[in-house]
Amino acid sequence: MSKIVIFTDGSSRNNPGPGGWGAIVVEIGDDGKAHITELGGGEKHTTNNKMELMAAIGGICGAPGSGDITVLSDSSYVIKGITDWIHGWKRNDWRTSAKKAVLNKDLWMKLDECTAGKAIRWKQVAGHAGVAGNERCDQIATGFADDEDVKLYEGPIGDYHLKDILKI
């Protein structure tokens, strides 16, 4: 069974405004060899929370198989939402405890679908604090938010520019 580490980050300029998301999927095979896949995208008008959710969705749905998965995010909104709040929302027909409609319901439903049947550990990392994977996801996300030509890497970890990506 492979081990999968996913870094995620989202960005929105002026919140709401142009936004982007980035995810890095690191798959470590049984042979110890690691493969990196960078993912990302953007929208012309969005919010930071939507982009944080899109990063998690993109990373988890884009990950191969269903190995041992760890997701590292700087978004307490995503982590609390998927590990705690979502259970109540689903019981309450996608309403909050205040009986209001859940914001970003479509994205929460997609994230719920992507995580179904997978054992995922969610870990919060500090944003802009030197965690290499989070910093690179931020570069991808802000690049897409700024409508730049973002170059995404896919290949072996040995050829990846962040040699210390798994040092957290």
N, C-alpha and C. Protein backbone atom coordinates (compact mmCIF):
# COMPACT_ATOMS: atom_id res chain seq x y z
N MET A 1 0.85 -1.19 0.00
CA MET A 1 0.00 0.00 0.00
C MET A 1 0.88 1.24 0.00
N SER A 2 0.57 2.16 -0.86
CA SER A 2 1.37 3.38 -0.95
C SER A 2 1.01 4.36 0.16
N LYS A 3 1.92 5.27 0.38
CA LYS A 3 1.70 6.36 1.33
C LYS A 3 1.54 7.63 0.49
N ILE A 4 0.54 8.43 0.82
CA ILE A 4 0.27 9.65 0.06
C ILE A 4 0.25 10.83 1.02
N VAL A 5 1.02 11.86 0.66
CA VAL A 5 1.04 13.11 1.41
C VAL A 5 0.56 14.20 0.46
N ILE A 6 -0.43 14.96 0.90
CA ILE A 6 -1.01 16.01 0.06
C ILE A 6 -0.91 17.34 0.78
N PHE A 7 -0.30 18.32 0.12
CA PHE A 7 -0.26 19.69 0.61
C PHE A 7 -1.30 20.48 -0.16
N THR A 8 -1.98 21.43 0.50
CA THR A 8 -2.99 22.23 -0.18
C THR A 8 -2.92 23.69 0.27
N ASP A 9 -3.34 24.59 -0.63
CA ASP A 9 -3.49 25.99 -0.26
C ASP A 9 -4.38 26.68 -1.28
N GLY A 10 -5.10 27.69 -0.82
CA GLY A 10 -5.95 28.49 -1.68
C GLY A 10 -5.66 29.96 -1.48
N SER A 11 -6.04 30.76 -2.48
CA SER A 11 -5.77 32.19 -2.42
C SER A 11 -6.86 32.95 -3.17
N SER A 12 -7.20 34.11 -2.65
CA SER A 12 -8.12 35.01 -3.35
C SER A 12 -7.63 36.43 -3.15
N ARG A 13 -7.46 37.13 -4.23
CA ARG A 13 -7.04 38.53 -4.16
C ARG A 13 -8.26 39.39 -3.84
N ASN A 14 -8.16 40.19 -2.83
CA ASN A 14 -9.23 41.09 -2.36
C ASN A 14 -10.41 40.37 -1.74
N ASN A 15 -10.48 39.11 -1.78
CA ASN A 15 -11.46 38.22 -1.12
C ASN A 15 -12.84 38.86 -0.90
N PRO A 16 -13.74 38.83 -1.86
CA PRO A 16 -13.65 38.06 -3.10
C PRO A 16 -12.91 38.81 -4.20
N GLY A 17 -12.45 38.01 -5.15
CA GLY A 17 -11.72 38.52 -6.29
C GLY A 17 -11.14 37.36 -7.06
N PRO A 18 -10.14 37.62 -7.90
CA PRO A 18 -9.51 36.53 -8.61
C PRO A 18 -8.85 35.58 -7.61
N GLY A 19 -8.97 34.29 -7.87
CA GLY A 19 -8.43 33.33 -6.92
C GLY A 19 -7.75 32.16 -7.59
N GLY A 20 -7.03 31.40 -6.78
CA GLY A 20 -6.35 30.22 -7.27
C GLY A 20 -6.17 29.20 -6.17
N TRP A 21 -5.90 28.00 -6.57
CA TRP A 21 -5.63 26.93 -5.61
C TRP A 21 -4.46 26.10 -6.10
N GLY A 22 -3.77 25.50 -5.14
CA GLY A 22 -2.65 24.64 -5.46
C GLY A 22 -2.64 23.42 -4.55
N ALA A 23 -2.22 22.30 -5.11
CA ALA A 23 -2.08 21.06 -4.33
C ALA A 23 -0.85 20.33 -4.84
N ILE A 24 -0.17 19.67 -3.94
CA ILE A 24 0.95 18.82 -4.28
C ILE A 24 0.66 17.45 -3.72
N VAL A 25 0.65 16.45 -4.59
CA VAL A 25 0.43 15.06 -4.19
C VAL A 25 1.77 14.34 -4.27
N VAL A 26 2.20 13.81 -3.13
CA VAL A 26 3.43 13.03 -3.06
C VAL A 26 3.03 11.59 -2.79
N GLU A 27 3.29 10.72 -3.76
CA GLU A 27 2.97 9.31 -3.59
C GLU A 27 4.27 8.54 -3.38
N ILE A 28 4.33 7.84 -2.25
CA ILE A 28 5.51 7.05 -1.91
C ILE A 28 5.12 5.59 -2.02
N GLY A 29 5.71 4.92 -2.98
CA GLY A 29 5.39 3.51 -3.24
C GLY A 29 5.99 2.57 -2.22
N ASP A 30 5.58 1.32 -2.31
CA ASP A 30 6.12 0.29 -1.41
C ASP A 30 7.62 0.14 -1.55
N ASP A 31 8.15 0.51 -2.71
CA ASP A 31 9.59 0.42 -2.95
C ASP A 31 10.35 1.65 -2.42
N GLY A 32 9.62 2.59 -1.82
CA GLY A 32 10.24 3.80 -1.26
C GLY A 32 10.43 4.92 -2.26
N LYS A 33 10.14 4.68 -3.53
CA LYS A 33 10.28 5.72 -4.54
C LYS A 33 9.08 6.65 -4.47
N ALA A 34 9.36 7.94 -4.61
CA ALA A 34 8.29 8.94 -4.49
C ALA A 34 8.07 9.64 -5.82
N HIS A 35 6.82 9.94 -6.08
CA HIS A 35 6.39 10.63 -7.30
C HIS A 35 5.62 11.88 -6.87
N ILE A 36 5.91 13.00 -7.53
CA ILE A 36 5.27 14.28 -7.22
C ILE A 36 4.34 14.67 -8.36
N THR A 37 3.15 15.13 -7.97
CA THR A 37 2.22 15.72 -8.94
C THR A 37 1.71 17.04 -8.38
N GLU A 38 2.02 18.13 -9.08
CA GLU A 38 1.48 19.45 -8.69
C GLU A 38 0.19 19.68 -9.48
N LEU A 39 -0.80 20.22 -8.79
CA LEU A 39 -2.10 20.52 -9.38
C LEU A 39 -2.49 21.94 -9.04
N GLY A 40 -3.32 22.55 -9.85
CA GLY A 40 -3.79 23.89 -9.53
C GLY A 40 -4.80 24.39 -10.54
N GLY A 41 -5.42 25.49 -10.17
CA GLY A 41 -6.40 26.12 -11.05
C GLY A 41 -6.79 27.47 -10.49
N GLY A 42 -7.65 28.15 -11.22
CA GLY A 42 -8.06 29.48 -10.77
C GLY A 42 -9.45 29.84 -11.26
N GLU A 43 -9.98 30.89 -10.68
CA GLU A 43 -11.28 31.45 -11.05
C GLU A 43 -11.16 32.96 -11.06
N LYS A 44 -11.93 33.59 -11.92
CA LYS A 44 -11.89 35.06 -12.06
C LYS A 44 -12.47 35.78 -10.84
N HIS A 45 -13.50 35.20 -10.23
CA HIS A 45 -14.14 35.85 -9.08
C HIS A 45 -14.55 34.76 -8.09
N THR A 46 -13.90 34.78 -6.94
CA THR A 46 -14.13 33.72 -5.96
C THR A 46 -13.72 34.20 -4.58
N THR A 47 -13.77 33.30 -3.61
CA THR A 47 -13.34 33.63 -2.25
C THR A 47 -12.18 32.72 -1.83
N ASN A 48 -11.49 33.13 -0.79
CA ASN A 48 -10.41 32.34 -0.26
C ASN A 48 -10.92 30.97 0.21
N ASN A 49 -12.04 30.94 0.91
CA ASN A 49 -12.57 29.67 1.41
C ASN A 49 -12.89 28.70 0.27
N LYS A 50 -13.45 29.22 -0.82
CA LYS A 50 -13.73 28.35 -1.97
C LYS A 50 -12.44 27.78 -2.53
N MET A 51 -11.41 28.59 -2.61
CA MET A 51 -10.15 28.12 -3.17
C MET A 51 -9.45 27.13 -2.23
N GLU A 52 -9.59 27.33 -0.93
CA GLU A 52 -9.05 26.35 0.03
C GLU A 52 -9.75 25.00 -0.16
N LEU A 53 -11.06 25.04 -0.34
CA LEU A 53 -11.81 23.81 -0.58
C LEU A 53 -11.42 23.17 -1.91
N MET A 54 -11.25 23.98 -2.94
CA MET A 54 -10.86 23.45 -4.25
C MET A 54 -9.49 22.78 -4.18
N ALA A 55 -8.59 23.33 -3.39
CA ALA A 55 -7.26 22.73 -3.24
C ALA A 55 -7.37 21.34 -2.61
N ALA A 56 -8.19 21.22 -1.57
CA ALA A 56 -8.38 19.92 -0.92
C ALA A 56 -9.04 18.93 -1.88
N ILE A 57 -10.06 19.38 -2.58
CA ILE A 57 -10.76 18.53 -3.54
C ILE A 57 -9.80 18.09 -4.65
N GLY A 58 -9.07 19.05 -5.21
CA GLY A 58 -8.14 18.73 -6.28
C GLY A 58 -7.08 17.74 -5.85
N GLY A 59 -6.53 17.94 -4.67
CA GLY A 59 -5.48 17.05 -4.18
C GLY A 59 -5.99 15.65 -3.89
N ILE A 60 -7.11 15.56 -3.17
CA ILE A 60 -7.62 14.24 -2.79
C ILE A 60 -8.20 13.50 -3.99
N CYS A 61 -9.00 14.19 -4.81
CA CYS A 61 -9.56 13.54 -5.99
C CYS A 61 -8.47 13.22 -7.01
N GLY A 62 -7.38 13.98 -6.99
CA GLY A 62 -6.28 13.77 -7.92
C GLY A 62 -5.25 12.77 -7.45
N ALA A 63 -5.40 12.29 -6.22
CA ALA A 63 -4.44 11.32 -5.68
C ALA A 63 -4.74 9.93 -6.21
N PRO A 64 -3.71 9.18 -6.53
CA PRO A 64 -3.93 7.82 -7.02
C PRO A 64 -4.32 6.88 -5.88
N GLY A 65 -5.19 5.96 -6.17
CA GLY A 65 -5.54 4.92 -5.20
C GLY A 65 -6.11 5.45 -3.91
N SER A 66 -5.98 4.64 -2.89
CA SER A 66 -6.52 5.02 -1.58
C SER A 66 -5.58 4.57 -0.47
N GLY A 67 -4.31 4.79 -0.67
CA GLY A 67 -3.32 4.40 0.34
C GLY A 67 -3.47 5.19 1.62
N ASP A 68 -2.45 5.14 2.41
CA ASP A 68 -2.36 5.87 3.68
C ASP A 68 -2.21 7.35 3.34
N ILE A 69 -3.25 8.16 3.59
CA ILE A 69 -3.28 9.55 3.13
C ILE A 69 -3.17 10.53 4.30
N THR A 70 -2.27 11.50 4.14
CA THR A 70 -2.17 12.62 5.08
C THR A 70 -2.34 13.90 4.27
N VAL A 71 -3.24 14.76 4.71
CA VAL A 71 -3.45 16.05 4.06
C VAL A 71 -2.96 17.14 5.01
N LEU A 72 -2.08 18.00 4.48
CA LEU A 72 -1.55 19.11 5.26
C LEU A 72 -2.07 20.42 4.66
N SER A 73 -2.74 21.20 5.48
CA SER A 73 -3.36 22.44 5.02
C SER A 73 -3.18 23.51 6.09
N ASP A 74 -3.14 24.77 5.64
CA ASP A 74 -3.10 25.87 6.61
C ASP A 74 -4.50 26.41 6.89
N SER A 75 -5.53 25.74 6.36
CA SER A 75 -6.90 26.22 6.49
C SER A 75 -7.66 25.50 7.60
N SER A 76 -7.87 26.20 8.71
CA SER A 76 -8.68 25.62 9.78
C SER A 76 -10.13 25.46 9.31
N TYR A 77 -10.58 26.31 8.40
CA TYR A 77 -11.93 26.21 7.82
C TYR A 77 -12.12 24.84 7.17
N VAL A 78 -11.18 24.42 6.34
CA VAL A 78 -11.29 23.12 5.67
C VAL A 78 -11.17 21.98 6.66
N ILE A 79 -10.17 22.05 7.54
CA ILE A 79 -9.93 20.94 8.46
C ILE A 79 -11.08 20.77 9.45
N LYS A 80 -11.53 21.85 10.07
CA LYS A 80 -12.65 21.75 11.01
C LYS A 80 -13.93 21.34 10.27
N GLY A 81 -14.09 21.89 9.06
CA GLY A 81 -15.29 21.57 8.29
C GLY A 81 -15.40 20.09 7.95
N ILE A 82 -14.31 19.49 7.46
CA ILE A 82 -14.39 18.11 7.01
C ILE A 82 -14.29 17.10 8.15
N THR A 83 -13.65 17.47 9.25
CA THR A 83 -13.50 16.51 10.36
C THR A 83 -14.58 16.66 11.43
N ASP A 84 -15.27 17.78 11.47
CA ASP A 84 -16.23 18.03 12.54
C ASP A 84 -17.58 18.54 12.03
N TRP A 85 -17.58 19.74 11.49
CA TRP A 85 -18.84 20.40 11.15
C TRP A 85 -19.69 19.63 10.14
N ILE A 86 -19.06 18.96 9.19
CA ILE A 86 -19.80 18.32 8.10
C ILE A 86 -20.80 17.27 8.61
N HIS A 87 -20.47 16.61 9.70
CA HIS A 87 -21.36 15.58 10.23
C HIS A 87 -22.71 16.18 10.65
N GLY A 88 -22.65 17.31 11.34
CA GLY A 88 -23.88 18.01 11.73
C GLY A 88 -24.61 18.58 10.54
N TRP A 89 -23.88 19.13 9.59
CA TRP A 89 -24.52 19.69 8.39
C TRP A 89 -25.30 18.62 7.65
N LYS A 90 -24.71 17.45 7.52
CA LYS A 90 -25.40 16.37 6.80
C LYS A 90 -26.63 15.91 7.57
N ARG A 91 -26.52 15.79 8.89
CA ARG A 91 -27.67 15.41 9.72
C ARG A 91 -28.79 16.45 9.62
N ASN A 92 -28.41 17.72 9.48
CA ASN A 92 -29.38 18.82 9.46
C ASN A 92 -29.72 19.28 8.04
N ASP A 93 -29.59 18.37 7.06
CA ASP A 93 -29.93 18.68 5.67
C ASP A 93 -29.16 19.91 5.17
N TRP A 94 -27.85 19.93 5.45
CA TRP A 94 -26.94 20.97 5.00
C TRP A 94 -27.33 22.36 5.54
N ARG A 95 -27.68 22.35 6.81
CA ARG A 95 -27.95 23.59 7.54
C ARG A 95 -27.01 23.67 8.72
N THR A 96 -26.63 24.89 9.07
CA THR A 96 -25.77 25.11 10.23
C THR A 96 -26.58 24.97 11.51
N SER A 97 -25.90 25.04 12.63
CA SER A 97 -26.62 24.97 13.92
C SER A 97 -27.55 26.16 14.09
N ALA A 98 -27.28 27.25 13.37
CA ALA A 98 -28.14 28.43 13.40
C ALA A 98 -29.27 28.33 12.35
N LYS A 99 -29.40 27.14 11.74
CA LYS A 99 -30.47 26.86 10.74
C LYS A 99 -30.29 27.61 9.42
N LYS A 100 -29.09 28.09 9.17
CA LYS A 100 -28.80 28.77 7.90
C LYS A 100 -28.18 27.77 6.93
N ALA A 101 -28.34 28.05 5.64
CA ALA A 101 -27.74 27.18 4.62
C ALA A 101 -26.22 27.21 4.74
N VAL A 102 -25.61 26.06 4.58
CA VAL A 102 -24.15 25.96 4.63
C VAL A 102 -23.56 26.66 3.41
N LEU A 103 -22.62 27.57 3.66
CA LEU A 103 -21.93 28.23 2.56
C LEU A 103 -21.04 27.23 1.84
N ASN A 104 -20.94 27.34 0.55
CA ASN A 104 -20.11 26.47 -0.28
C ASN A 104 -20.55 25.01 -0.22
N LYS A 105 -21.84 24.80 -0.06
CA LYS A 105 -22.40 23.45 0.07
C LYS A 105 -21.94 22.54 -1.06
N ASP A 106 -21.95 23.04 -2.29
CA ASP A 106 -21.56 22.21 -3.43
C ASP A 106 -20.13 21.70 -3.29
N LEU A 107 -19.24 22.55 -2.80
CA LEU A 107 -17.85 22.15 -2.63
C LEU A 107 -17.67 21.20 -1.44
N TRP A 108 -18.41 21.44 -0.37
CA TRP A 108 -18.37 20.52 0.77
C TRP A 108 -18.88 19.14 0.36
N MET A 109 -19.92 19.11 -0.45
CA MET A 109 -20.45 17.83 -0.91
C MET A 109 -19.42 17.11 -1.79
N LYS A 110 -18.73 17.84 -2.63
CA LYS A 110 -17.70 17.24 -3.49
C LYS A 110 -16.54 16.73 -2.64
N LEU A 111 -16.11 17.51 -1.64
CA LEU A 111 -15.03 17.06 -0.76
C LEU A 111 -15.45 15.81 0.01
N ASP A 112 -16.69 15.79 0.47
CA ASP A 112 -17.22 14.62 1.17
C ASP A 112 -17.19 13.39 0.26
N GLU A 113 -17.56 13.59 -0.99
CA GLU A 113 -17.55 12.50 -1.98
C GLU A 113 -16.11 12.01 -2.21
N CYS A 114 -15.17 12.94 -2.34
CA CYS A 114 -13.77 12.57 -2.60
C CYS A 114 -13.13 11.83 -1.42
N THR A 115 -13.58 12.11 -0.22
CA THR A 115 -12.97 11.51 0.97
C THR A 115 -13.67 10.22 1.40
N ALA A 116 -14.83 9.93 0.83
CA ALA A 116 -15.61 8.76 1.25
C ALA A 116 -14.79 7.48 1.10
N GLY A 117 -14.79 6.69 2.16
CA GLY A 117 -14.11 5.41 2.14
C GLY A 117 -12.60 5.47 2.26
N LYS A 118 -12.05 6.66 2.44
CA LYS A 118 -10.60 6.81 2.56
C LYS A 118 -10.23 7.17 4.00
N ALA A 119 -9.18 6.56 4.47
CA ALA A 119 -8.66 6.90 5.80
C ALA A 119 -7.69 8.07 5.61
N ILE A 120 -8.11 9.25 6.04
CA ILE A 120 -7.31 10.45 5.84
C ILE A 120 -7.00 11.10 7.18
N ARG A 121 -5.73 11.42 7.37
CA ARG A 121 -5.31 12.21 8.53
C ARG A 121 -5.20 13.65 8.05
N TRP A 122 -5.85 14.55 8.75
CA TRP A 122 -5.81 15.98 8.42
C TRP A 122 -4.91 16.65 9.43
N LYS A 123 -3.93 17.39 8.94
CA LYS A 123 -3.01 18.11 9.83
C LYS A 123 -2.93 19.56 9.40
N GLN A 124 -3.05 20.45 10.39
CA GLN A 124 -2.92 21.87 10.09
C GLN A 124 -1.46 22.28 10.22
N VAL A 125 -1.00 23.03 9.21
CA VAL A 125 0.34 23.59 9.25
C VAL A 125 0.21 25.11 9.25
N ALA A 126 1.21 25.77 9.77
CA ALA A 126 1.19 27.23 9.76
C ALA A 126 1.45 27.73 8.35
N GLY A 127 0.65 28.67 7.91
CA GLY A 127 0.85 29.27 6.60
C GLY A 127 2.00 30.26 6.63
N HIS A 128 2.73 30.35 5.54
CA HIS A 128 3.83 31.30 5.39
C HIS A 128 4.85 31.17 6.53
N ALA A 129 5.12 29.91 6.89
CA ALA A 129 6.03 29.67 8.02
C ALA A 129 7.18 28.74 7.64
N GLY A 130 7.44 28.61 6.34
CA GLY A 130 8.59 27.82 5.92
C GLY A 130 8.33 26.35 5.65
N VAL A 131 7.08 25.89 5.70
CA VAL A 131 6.77 24.51 5.34
C VAL A 131 6.82 24.45 3.81
N ALA A 132 7.83 23.75 3.27
CA ALA A 132 8.11 23.80 1.84
C ALA A 132 6.90 23.49 0.96
N GLY A 133 6.17 22.44 1.28
CA GLY A 133 5.01 22.07 0.48
C GLY A 133 3.92 23.12 0.52
N ASN A 134 3.68 23.68 1.69
CA ASN A 134 2.67 24.74 1.81
C ASN A 134 3.10 25.99 1.07
N GLU A 135 4.38 26.33 1.15
CA GLU A 135 4.88 27.52 0.45
C GLU A 135 4.73 27.37 -1.06
N ARG A 136 5.05 26.16 -1.57
CA ARG A 136 4.92 25.94 -3.01
C ARG A 136 3.44 25.97 -3.42
N CYS A 137 2.55 25.41 -2.62
CA CYS A 137 1.12 25.47 -2.94
C CYS A 137 0.65 26.92 -2.98
N ASP A 138 1.16 27.74 -2.07
CA ASP A 138 0.82 29.16 -2.07
C ASP A 138 1.31 29.83 -3.36
N GLN A 139 2.50 29.48 -3.82
CA GLN A 139 3.00 30.03 -5.09
C GLN A 139 2.11 29.64 -6.26
N ILE A 140 1.68 28.37 -6.27
CA ILE A 140 0.81 27.89 -7.34
C ILE A 140 -0.52 28.64 -7.28
N ALA A 141 -1.11 28.72 -6.08
CA ALA A 141 -2.41 29.37 -5.91
C ALA A 141 -2.37 30.84 -6.29
N THR A 142 -1.37 31.56 -5.80
CA THR A 142 -1.30 32.99 -6.12
C THR A 142 -0.96 33.21 -7.59
N GLY A 143 -0.19 32.30 -8.17
CA GLY A 143 0.10 32.39 -9.60
C GLY A 143 -1.17 32.30 -10.43
N PHE A 144 -2.01 31.34 -10.10
CA PHE A 144 -3.29 31.21 -10.81
C PHE A 144 -4.20 32.40 -10.52
N ALA A 145 -4.20 32.89 -9.28
CA ALA A 145 -5.02 34.06 -8.93
C ALA A 145 -4.59 35.28 -9.74
N ASP A 146 -3.29 35.38 -10.00
CA ASP A 146 -2.74 36.51 -10.75
C ASP A 146 -2.72 36.26 -12.26
N ASP A 147 -3.32 35.16 -12.69
CA ASP A 147 -3.43 34.79 -14.11
C ASP A 147 -2.06 34.65 -14.77
N GLU A 148 -1.11 34.10 -14.01
CA GLU A 148 0.23 33.84 -14.54
C GLU A 148 0.27 32.47 -15.21
N ASP A 149 1.30 32.24 -15.99
CA ASP A 149 1.53 30.95 -16.63
C ASP A 149 2.26 30.07 -15.62
N VAL A 150 1.52 29.31 -14.84
CA VAL A 150 2.09 28.51 -13.77
C VAL A 150 2.57 27.17 -14.33
N LYS A 151 3.82 26.85 -14.10
CA LYS A 151 4.39 25.58 -14.54
C LYS A 151 4.23 24.56 -13.41
N LEU A 152 3.48 23.51 -13.68
CA LEU A 152 3.24 22.47 -12.68
C LEU A 152 4.15 21.27 -12.97
N TYR A 153 4.73 20.74 -11.92
CA TYR A 153 5.67 19.63 -12.04
C TYR A 153 4.95 18.30 -11.86
N GLU A 154 5.38 17.32 -12.63
CA GLU A 154 4.98 15.93 -12.40
C GLU A 154 6.19 15.07 -12.72
N GLY A 155 6.59 14.24 -11.76
CA GLY A 155 7.73 13.37 -11.98
C GLY A 155 8.31 12.86 -10.68
N PRO A 156 9.47 12.23 -10.77
CA PRO A 156 10.10 11.66 -9.57
C PRO A 156 10.58 12.74 -8.61
N ILE A 157 10.57 12.41 -7.35
CA ILE A 157 10.98 13.36 -6.33
C ILE A 157 12.45 13.77 -6.51
N GLY A 158 13.26 12.89 -7.06
CA GLY A 158 14.67 13.18 -7.26
C GLY A 158 14.92 14.35 -8.20
N ASP A 159 13.96 14.61 -9.11
CA ASP A 159 14.10 15.71 -10.05
C ASP A 159 13.33 16.96 -9.61
N TYR A 160 12.68 16.88 -8.46
CA TYR A 160 11.86 17.99 -7.98
C TYR A 160 12.73 19.04 -7.33
N HIS A 161 12.38 20.30 -7.52
CA HIS A 161 13.21 21.39 -7.00
C HIS A 161 13.15 21.54 -5.48
N LEU A 162 12.14 20.99 -4.83
CA LEU A 162 12.05 21.05 -3.37
C LEU A 162 12.49 19.72 -2.79
N LYS A 163 13.74 19.58 -2.54
CA LYS A 163 14.31 18.31 -2.04
C LYS A 163 13.79 17.97 -0.65
N ASP A 164 13.41 18.99 0.14
CA ASP A 164 13.00 18.78 1.53
C ASP A 164 11.49 18.84 1.71
N ILE A 165 10.73 18.54 0.67
CA ILE A 165 9.28 18.70 0.75
C ILE A 165 8.65 17.87 1.86
N LEU A 166 9.22 16.72 2.19
CA LEU A 166 8.62 15.87 3.22
C LEU A 166 9.14 16.16 4.63
N LYS A 167 9.99 17.18 4.75
CA LYS A 167 10.43 17.62 6.09
C LYS A 167 9.42 18.66 6.57
N ILE A 168 8.64 18.25 7.55
CA ILE A 168 7.53 19.10 8.00
C ILE A 168 7.77 19.51 9.44
